[in-house]
Amino acid sequence: MDPEQIKGNWKQIKGEIKKEWGKLTDDDLVEAEGHRDYLIGKIQERYGINKDEAREQVEAFEKKKL
Protein backbone atom coordinates (compact mmCIF):
# COMPACT_ATOMS: atom_id res chain seq x y z
CA MET A 1 0.00 0.00 0.00
CA ASP A 2 1.43 3.33 -0.96
CA PRO A 3 1.60 6.35 1.37
CA GLU A 4 -1.48 8.00 -0.16
CA GLN A 5 -3.57 4.87 0.42
CA ILE A 6 -2.36 4.72 4.02
CA LYS A 7 -3.37 8.33 4.59
CA GLY A 8 -6.77 7.67 3.04
CA ASN A 9 -7.43 4.63 5.22
CA TRP A 10 -5.76 5.96 8.36
CA LYS A 11 -8.78 5.59 10.67
CA GLN A 12 -9.12 1.89 9.85
CA ILE A 13 -5.39 1.23 9.92
CA LYS A 14 -4.86 3.09 13.21
CA GLY A 15 -6.63 0.37 15.21
CA GLU A 16 -4.51 -2.34 13.63
CA ILE A 17 -1.34 -0.37 14.37
CA LYS A 18 -2.40 0.00 18.01
CA LYS A 19 -2.85 -3.80 18.24
CA GLU A 20 0.55 -4.45 16.68
CA TRP A 21 2.48 -1.83 18.68
CA GLY A 22 0.62 -1.38 21.97
CA LYS A 23 3.26 0.94 23.41
CA LEU A 24 2.28 3.65 20.94
CA THR A 25 -0.02 6.21 22.49
CA ASP A 26 -3.12 7.69 20.94
CA ASP A 27 -1.20 10.96 20.70
CA ASP A 28 1.56 9.18 18.76
CA LEU A 29 -1.00 7.91 16.29
CA VAL A 30 -2.66 11.30 15.95
CA GLU A 31 0.73 12.85 15.21
CA ALA A 32 1.64 10.07 12.76
CA GLU A 33 -1.65 10.50 10.81
CA GLY A 34 -0.46 8.39 7.90
CA HIS A 35 3.15 9.61 7.89
CA ARG A 36 5.16 6.43 7.64
CA ASP A 37 8.53 7.91 8.65
CA TYR A 38 7.05 9.43 11.80
CA LEU A 39 5.47 6.08 12.69
CA ILE A 40 8.79 4.29 12.15
CA GLY A 41 10.52 6.83 14.40
CA LYS A 42 7.94 6.39 17.17
CA ILE A 43 8.20 2.59 17.00
CA GLN A 44 11.98 2.95 17.19
CA GLU A 45 11.69 5.24 20.21
CA ARG A 46 9.04 3.29 22.15
CA TYR A 47 10.60 -0.14 21.60
CA GLY A 48 14.29 0.81 21.76
CA ILE A 49 15.14 -0.69 18.38
CA ASN A 50 17.16 0.68 15.48
CA LYS A 51 15.57 2.44 12.54
CA ASP A 52 16.14 -0.43 10.10
CA GLU A 53 14.42 -2.91 12.40
CA ALA A 54 11.48 -0.54 12.91
CA ARG A 55 11.21 -0.06 9.14
CA GLU A 56 11.26 -3.84 8.59
CA GLN A 57 8.47 -4.27 11.13
CA VAL A 58 6.35 -1.63 9.40
CA GLU A 59 6.99 -3.19 6.00
CA ALA A 60 5.99 -6.63 7.33
CA PHE A 61 2.86 -5.10 8.87
CA GLU A 62 1.97 -3.47 5.56
CA LYS A 63 2.32 -6.75 3.68
CA LYS A 64 0.36 -8.69 6.28
CA LYS A 65 -2.45 -6.26 7.07
CA LEU A 66 -2.78 -4.02 4.08
PDB file of N, CA and C in Angstrom:
ATOM      1  N   MET A   1       0.856  -1.172   0.000  1.00  0.00           N
ATOM      2  CA  MET A   1       0.000   0.000   0.000  1.00  0.00           C
ATOM      3  C   MET A   1       0.901   1.233   0.000  1.00  0.00           C
ATOM      4  N   ASP A   2       0.593   2.151  -0.873  1.00  0.00           N
ATOM      5  CA  ASP A   2       1.432   3.330  -0.962  1.00  0.00           C
ATOM      6  C   ASP A   2       1.022   4.368   0.086  1.00  0.00           C
ATOM      7  N   PRO A   3       1.866   5.362   0.315  1.00  0.00           N
ATOM      8  CA  PRO A   3       1.596   6.351   1.370  1.00  0.00           C
ATOM      9  C   PRO A   3       0.251   7.053   1.244  1.00  0.00           C
ATOM     10  N   GLU A   4      -0.194   7.326   0.018  1.00  0.00           N
ATOM     11  CA  GLU A   4      -1.475   8.002  -0.159  1.00  0.00           C
ATOM     12  C   GLU A   4      -2.635   7.104   0.266  1.00  0.00           C
ATOM     13  N   GLN A   5      -2.533   5.818   0.001  1.00  0.00           N
ATOM     14  CA  GLN A   5      -3.573   4.872   0.423  1.00  0.00           C
ATOM     15  C   GLN A   5      -3.598   4.769   1.946  1.00  0.00           C
ATOM     16  N   ILE A   6      -2.435   4.785   2.566  1.00  0.00           N
ATOM     17  CA  ILE A   6      -2.357   4.722   4.023  1.00  0.00           C
ATOM     18  C   ILE A   6      -3.032   5.948   4.621  1.00  0.00           C
ATOM     19  N   LYS A   7      -2.741   7.110   4.084  1.00  0.00           N
ATOM     20  CA  LYS A   7      -3.373   8.334   4.589  1.00  0.00           C
ATOM     21  C   LYS A   7      -4.879   8.261   4.432  1.00  0.00           C
ATOM     22  N   GLY A   8      -5.342   7.749   3.298  1.00  0.00           N
ATOM     23  CA  GLY A   8      -6.765   7.672   3.036  1.00  0.00           C
ATOM     24  C   GLY A   8      -7.502   6.698   3.937  1.00  0.00           C
ATOM     25  N   ASN A   9      -6.822   5.667   4.372  1.00  0.00           N
ATOM     26  CA  ASN A   9      -7.426   4.630   5.216  1.00  0.00           C
ATOM     27  C   ASN A   9      -6.938   4.699   6.658  1.00  0.00           C
ATOM     28  N   TRP A  10      -6.424   5.843   7.066  1.00  0.00           N
ATOM     29  CA  TRP A  10      -5.765   5.963   8.361  1.00  0.00           C
ATOM     30  C   TRP A  10      -6.644   5.537   9.531  1.00  0.00           C
ATOM     31  N   LYS A  11      -7.908   5.913   9.532  1.00  0.00           N
ATOM     32  CA  LYS A  11      -8.775   5.588  10.670  1.00  0.00           C
ATOM     33  C   LYS A  11      -8.902   4.083  10.850  1.00  0.00           C
ATOM     34  N   GLN A  12      -9.019   3.343   9.762  1.00  0.00           N
ATOM     35  CA  GLN A  12      -9.116   1.892   9.852  1.00  0.00           C
ATOM     36  C   GLN A  12      -7.779   1.271  10.249  1.00  0.00           C
ATOM     37  N   ILE A  13      -6.722   1.778   9.686  1.00  0.00           N
ATOM     38  CA  ILE A  13      -5.388   1.229   9.924  1.00  0.00           C
ATOM     39  C   ILE A  13      -4.912   1.524  11.343  1.00  0.00           C
ATOM     40  N   LYS A  14      -5.312   2.656  11.882  1.00  0.00           N
ATOM     41  CA  LYS A  14      -4.859   3.088  13.214  1.00  0.00           C
ATOM     42  C   LYS A  14      -5.139   2.028  14.276  1.00  0.00           C
ATOM     43  N   GLY A  15      -6.301   1.407  14.239  1.00  0.00           N
ATOM     44  CA  GLY A  15      -6.630   0.370  15.208  1.00  0.00           C
ATOM     45  C   GLY A  15      -5.725  -0.842  15.085  1.00  0.00           C
ATOM     46  N   GLU A  16      -5.402  -1.213  13.856  1.00  0.00           N
ATOM     47  CA  GLU A  16      -4.507  -2.343  13.633  1.00  0.00           C
ATOM     48  C   GLU A  16      -3.095  -2.027  14.103  1.00  0.00           C
ATOM     49  N   ILE A  17      -2.664  -0.794  13.906  1.00  0.00           N
ATOM     50  CA  ILE A  17      -1.339  -0.370  14.367  1.00  0.00           C
ATOM     51  C   ILE A  17      -1.286  -0.437  15.889  1.00  0.00           C
ATOM     52  N   LYS A  18      -2.331   0.009  16.537  1.00  0.00           N
ATOM     53  CA  LYS A  18      -2.396  -0.002  18.011  1.00  0.00           C
ATOM     54  C   LYS A  18      -2.309  -1.434  18.539  1.00  0.00           C
ATOM     55  N   LYS A  19      -2.939  -2.386  17.842  1.00  0.00           N
ATOM     56  CA  LYS A  19      -2.851  -3.795  18.243  1.00  0.00           C
ATOM     57  C   LYS A  19      -1.437  -4.328  18.079  1.00  0.00           C
ATOM     58  N   GLU A  20      -0.794  -3.950  16.991  1.00  0.00           N
ATOM     59  CA  GLU A  20       0.549  -4.445  16.685  1.00  0.00           C
ATOM     60  C   GLU A  20       1.605  -3.846  17.608  1.00  0.00           C
ATOM     61  N   TRP A  21       1.501  -2.547  17.867  1.00  0.00           N
ATOM     62  CA  TRP A  21       2.480  -1.832  18.681  1.00  0.00           C
ATOM     63  C   TRP A  21       1.751  -1.128  19.824  1.00  0.00           C
ATOM     64  N   GLY A  22       1.413  -1.881  20.851  1.00  0.00           N
ATOM     65  CA  GLY A  22       0.622  -1.378  21.972  1.00  0.00           C
ATOM     66  C   GLY A  22       1.276  -0.272  22.781  1.00  0.00           C
ATOM     67  N   LYS A  23       2.581  -0.121  22.657  1.00  0.00           N
ATOM     68  CA  LYS A  23       3.262   0.941  23.408  1.00  0.00           C
ATOM     69  C   LYS A  23       3.057   2.320  22.787  1.00  0.00           C
ATOM     70  N   LEU A  24       2.551   2.359  21.571  1.00  0.00           N
ATOM     71  CA  LEU A  24       2.281   3.651  20.940  1.00  0.00           C
ATOM     72  C   LEU A  24       1.041   4.257  21.584  1.00  0.00           C
ATOM     73  N   THR A  25       1.112   5.525  21.865  1.00  0.00           N
ATOM     74  CA  THR A  25      -0.018   6.206  22.494  1.00  0.00           C
ATOM     75  C   THR A  25      -0.981   6.723  21.419  1.00  0.00           C
ATOM     76  N   ASP A  26      -2.165   7.080  21.867  1.00  0.00           N
ATOM     77  CA  ASP A  26      -3.125   7.688  20.943  1.00  0.00           C
ATOM     78  C   ASP A  26      -2.554   8.978  20.359  1.00  0.00           C
ATOM     79  N   ASP A  27      -1.835   9.730  21.184  1.00  0.00           N
ATOM     80  CA  ASP A  27      -1.199  10.961  20.702  1.00  0.00           C
ATOM     81  C   ASP A  27      -0.166  10.666  19.611  1.00  0.00           C
ATOM     82  N   ASP A  28       0.594   9.576  19.788  1.00  0.00           N
ATOM     83  CA  ASP A  28       1.561   9.179  18.756  1.00  0.00           C
ATOM     84  C   ASP A  28       0.850   8.947  17.433  1.00  0.00           C
ATOM     85  N   LEU A  29      -0.273   8.247  17.506  1.00  0.00           N
ATOM     86  CA  LEU A  29      -1.002   7.914  16.286  1.00  0.00           C
ATOM     87  C   LEU A  29      -1.659   9.137  15.657  1.00  0.00           C
ATOM     88  N   VAL A  30      -2.103  10.062  16.486  1.00  0.00           N
ATOM     89  CA  VAL A  30      -2.660  11.304  15.953  1.00  0.00           C
ATOM     90  C   VAL A  30      -1.555  12.076  15.228  1.00  0.00           C
ATOM     91  N   GLU A  31      -0.391  12.142  15.833  1.00  0.00           N
ATOM     92  CA  GLU A  31       0.731  12.854  15.208  1.00  0.00           C
ATOM     93  C   GLU A  31       1.187  12.153  13.929  1.00  0.00           C
ATOM     94  N   ALA A  32       1.185  10.824  13.933  1.00  0.00           N
ATOM     95  CA  ALA A  32       1.639  10.071  12.762  1.00  0.00           C
ATOM     96  C   ALA A  32       0.700  10.291  11.577  1.00  0.00           C
ATOM     97  N   GLU A  33      -0.595  10.256  11.818  1.00  0.00           N
ATOM     98  CA  GLU A  33      -1.647  10.502  10.814  1.00  0.00           C
ATOM     99  C   GLU A  33      -1.233  10.126   9.399  1.00  0.00           C
ATOM    100  N   GLY A  34      -0.802   8.872   9.232  1.00  0.00           N
ATOM    101  CA  GLY A  34      -0.456   8.387   7.902  1.00  0.00           C
ATOM    102  C   GLY A  34       0.953   8.669   7.442  1.00  0.00           C
ATOM    103  N   HIS A  35       1.760   9.307   8.264  1.00  0.00           N
ATOM    104  CA  HIS A  35       3.148   9.607   7.895  1.00  0.00           C
ATOM    105  C   HIS A  35       4.031   8.448   8.336  1.00  0.00           C
ATOM    106  N   ARG A  36       4.423   7.664   7.390  1.00  0.00           N
ATOM    107  CA  ARG A  36       5.161   6.426   7.641  1.00  0.00           C
ATOM    108  C   ARG A  36       6.472   6.663   8.399  1.00  0.00           C
ATOM    109  N   ASP A  37       7.242   7.654   7.995  1.00  0.00           N
ATOM    110  CA  ASP A  37       8.533   7.908   8.646  1.00  0.00           C
ATOM    111  C   ASP A  37       8.351   8.294  10.115  1.00  0.00           C
ATOM    112  N   TYR A  38       7.320   9.059  10.405  1.00  0.00           N
ATOM    113  CA  TYR A  38       7.052   9.432  11.803  1.00  0.00           C
ATOM    114  C   TYR A  38       6.696   8.183  12.601  1.00  0.00           C
ATOM    115  N   LEU A  39       5.865   7.323  12.023  1.00  0.00           N
ATOM    116  CA  LEU A  39       5.474   6.080  12.687  1.00  0.00           C
ATOM    117  C   LEU A  39       6.696   5.210  12.961  1.00  0.00           C
ATOM    118  N   ILE A  40       7.559   5.076  11.975  1.00  0.00           N
ATOM    119  CA  ILE A  40       8.786   4.294  12.151  1.00  0.00           C
ATOM    120  C   ILE A  40       9.622   4.871  13.284  1.00  0.00           C
ATOM    121  N   GLY A  41       9.755   6.178  13.335  1.00  0.00           N
ATOM    122  CA  GLY A  41      10.518   6.826  14.403  1.00  0.00           C
ATOM    123  C   GLY A  41       9.916   6.582  15.777  1.00  0.00           C
ATOM    124  N   LYS A  42       8.603   6.625  15.873  1.00  0.00           N
ATOM    125  CA  LYS A  42       7.943   6.388  17.166  1.00  0.00           C
ATOM    126  C   LYS A  42       8.091   4.943  17.607  1.00  0.00           C
ATOM    127  N   ILE A  43       7.996   4.012  16.671  1.00  0.00           N
ATOM    128  CA  ILE A  43       8.196   2.594  17.002  1.00  0.00           C
ATOM    129  C   ILE A  43       9.630   2.398  17.491  1.00  0.00           C
ATOM    130  N   GLN A  44      10.569   3.015  16.798  1.00  0.00           N
ATOM    131  CA  GLN A  44      11.976   2.949  17.190  1.00  0.00           C
ATOM    132  C   GLN A  44      12.151   3.471  18.614  1.00  0.00           C
ATOM    133  N   GLU A  45      11.561   4.604  18.902  1.00  0.00           N
ATOM    134  CA  GLU A  45      11.686   5.239  20.212  1.00  0.00           C
ATOM    135  C   GLU A  45      11.024   4.414  21.314  1.00  0.00           C
ATOM    136  N   ARG A  46       9.803   3.989  21.101  1.00  0.00           N
ATOM    137  CA  ARG A  46       9.038   3.287  22.148  1.00  0.00           C
ATOM    138  C   ARG A  46       9.587   1.895  22.444  1.00  0.00           C
ATOM    139  N   TYR A  47      10.141   1.237  21.425  1.00  0.00           N
ATOM    140  CA  TYR A  47      10.603  -0.142  21.602  1.00  0.00           C
ATOM    141  C   TYR A  47      12.115  -0.273  21.706  1.00  0.00           C
ATOM    142  N   GLY A  48      12.832   0.841  21.598  1.00  0.00           N
ATOM    143  CA  GLY A  48      14.286   0.812  21.758  1.00  0.00           C
ATOM    144  C   GLY A  48      14.996  -0.024  20.711  1.00  0.00           C
ATOM    145  N   ILE A  49      14.532   0.065  19.469  1.00  0.00           N
ATOM    146  CA  ILE A  49      15.144  -0.688  18.380  1.00  0.00           C
ATOM    147  C   ILE A  49      15.731   0.301  17.376  1.00  0.00           C
ATOM    148  N   ASN A  50      16.566  -0.225  16.468  1.00  0.00           N
ATOM    149  CA  ASN A  50      17.159   0.681  15.483  1.00  0.00           C
ATOM    150  C   ASN A  50      16.176   0.962  14.353  1.00  0.00           C
ATOM    151  N   LYS A  51      16.482   1.969  13.578  1.00  0.00           N
ATOM    152  CA  LYS A  51      15.565   2.443  12.541  1.00  0.00           C
ATOM    153  C   LYS A  51      15.291   1.372  11.486  1.00  0.00           C
ATOM    154  N   ASP A  52      16.321   0.612  11.112  1.00  0.00           N
ATOM    155  CA  ASP A  52      16.136  -0.427  10.105  1.00  0.00           C
ATOM    156  C   ASP A  52      15.178  -1.515  10.592  1.00  0.00           C
ATOM    157  N   GLU A  53      15.309  -1.894  11.845  1.00  0.00           N
ATOM    158  CA  GLU A  53      14.421  -2.905  12.403  1.00  0.00           C
ATOM    159  C   GLU A  53      12.982  -2.390  12.459  1.00  0.00           C
ATOM    160  N   ALA A  54      12.813  -1.137  12.862  1.00  0.00           N
ATOM    161  CA  ALA A  54      11.476  -0.541  12.906  1.00  0.00           C
ATOM    162  C   ALA A  54      10.873  -0.487  11.507  1.00  0.00           C
ATOM    163  N   ARG A  55      11.674  -0.117  10.526  1.00  0.00           N
ATOM    164  CA  ARG A  55      11.206  -0.062   9.141  1.00  0.00           C
ATOM    165  C   ARG A  55      10.801  -1.451   8.661  1.00  0.00           C
ATOM    166  N   GLU A  56      11.589  -2.462   8.981  1.00  0.00           N
ATOM    167  CA  GLU A  56      11.264  -3.837   8.588  1.00  0.00           C
ATOM    168  C   GLU A  56       9.948  -4.283   9.215  1.00  0.00           C
ATOM    169  N   GLN A  57       9.720  -3.916  10.473  1.00  0.00           N
ATOM    170  CA  GLN A  57       8.470  -4.270  11.133  1.00  0.00           C
ATOM    171  C   GLN A  57       7.286  -3.604  10.438  1.00  0.00           C
ATOM    172  N   VAL A  58       7.431  -2.346  10.084  1.00  0.00           N
ATOM    173  CA  VAL A  58       6.346  -1.628   9.404  1.00  0.00           C
ATOM    174  C   VAL A  58       6.097  -2.241   8.026  1.00  0.00           C
ATOM    175  N   GLU A  59       7.151  -2.575   7.305  1.00  0.00           N
ATOM    176  CA  GLU A  59       6.988  -3.194   5.997  1.00  0.00           C
ATOM    177  C   GLU A  59       6.288  -4.548   6.110  1.00  0.00           C
ATOM    178  N   ALA A  60       6.653  -5.345   7.112  1.00  0.00           N
ATOM    179  CA  ALA A  60       5.995  -6.628   7.331  1.00  0.00           C
ATOM    180  C   ALA A  60       4.521  -6.425   7.682  1.00  0.00           C
ATOM    181  N   PHE A  61       4.245  -5.425   8.500  1.00  0.00           N
ATOM    182  CA  PHE A  61       2.860  -5.095   8.867  1.00  0.00           C
ATOM    183  C   PHE A  61       2.055  -4.720   7.621  1.00  0.00           C
ATOM    184  N   GLU A  62       2.649  -3.901   6.773  1.00  0.00           N
ATOM    185  CA  GLU A  62       1.968  -3.470   5.561  1.00  0.00           C
ATOM    186  C   GLU A  62       1.626  -4.657   4.665  1.00  0.00           C
ATOM    187  N   LYS A  63       2.563  -5.569   4.519  1.00  0.00           N
ATOM    188  CA  LYS A  63       2.320  -6.751   3.681  1.00  0.00           C
ATOM    189  C   LYS A  63       1.256  -7.655   4.271  1.00  0.00           C
ATOM    190  N   LYS A  64       1.282  -7.788   5.581  1.00  0.00           N
ATOM    191  CA  LYS A  64       0.363  -8.690   6.280  1.00  0.00           C
ATOM    192  C   LYS A  64      -1.037  -8.120   6.400  1.00  0.00           C
ATOM    193  N   LYS A  65      -1.156  -6.861   6.741  1.00  0.00           N
ATOM    194  CA  LYS A  65      -2.449  -6.256   7.066  1.00  0.00           C
ATOM    195  C   LYS A  65      -3.068  -5.465   5.937  1.00  0.00           C
ATOM    196  N   LEU A  66      -2.252  -4.934   5.084  1.00  0.00           N
ATOM    197  CA  LEU A  66      -2.781  -4.023   4.085  1.00  0.00           C
ATOM    198  C   LEU A  66      -2.734  -4.691   2.756  1.00  0.00           C
TER     199      LEU A  66
END
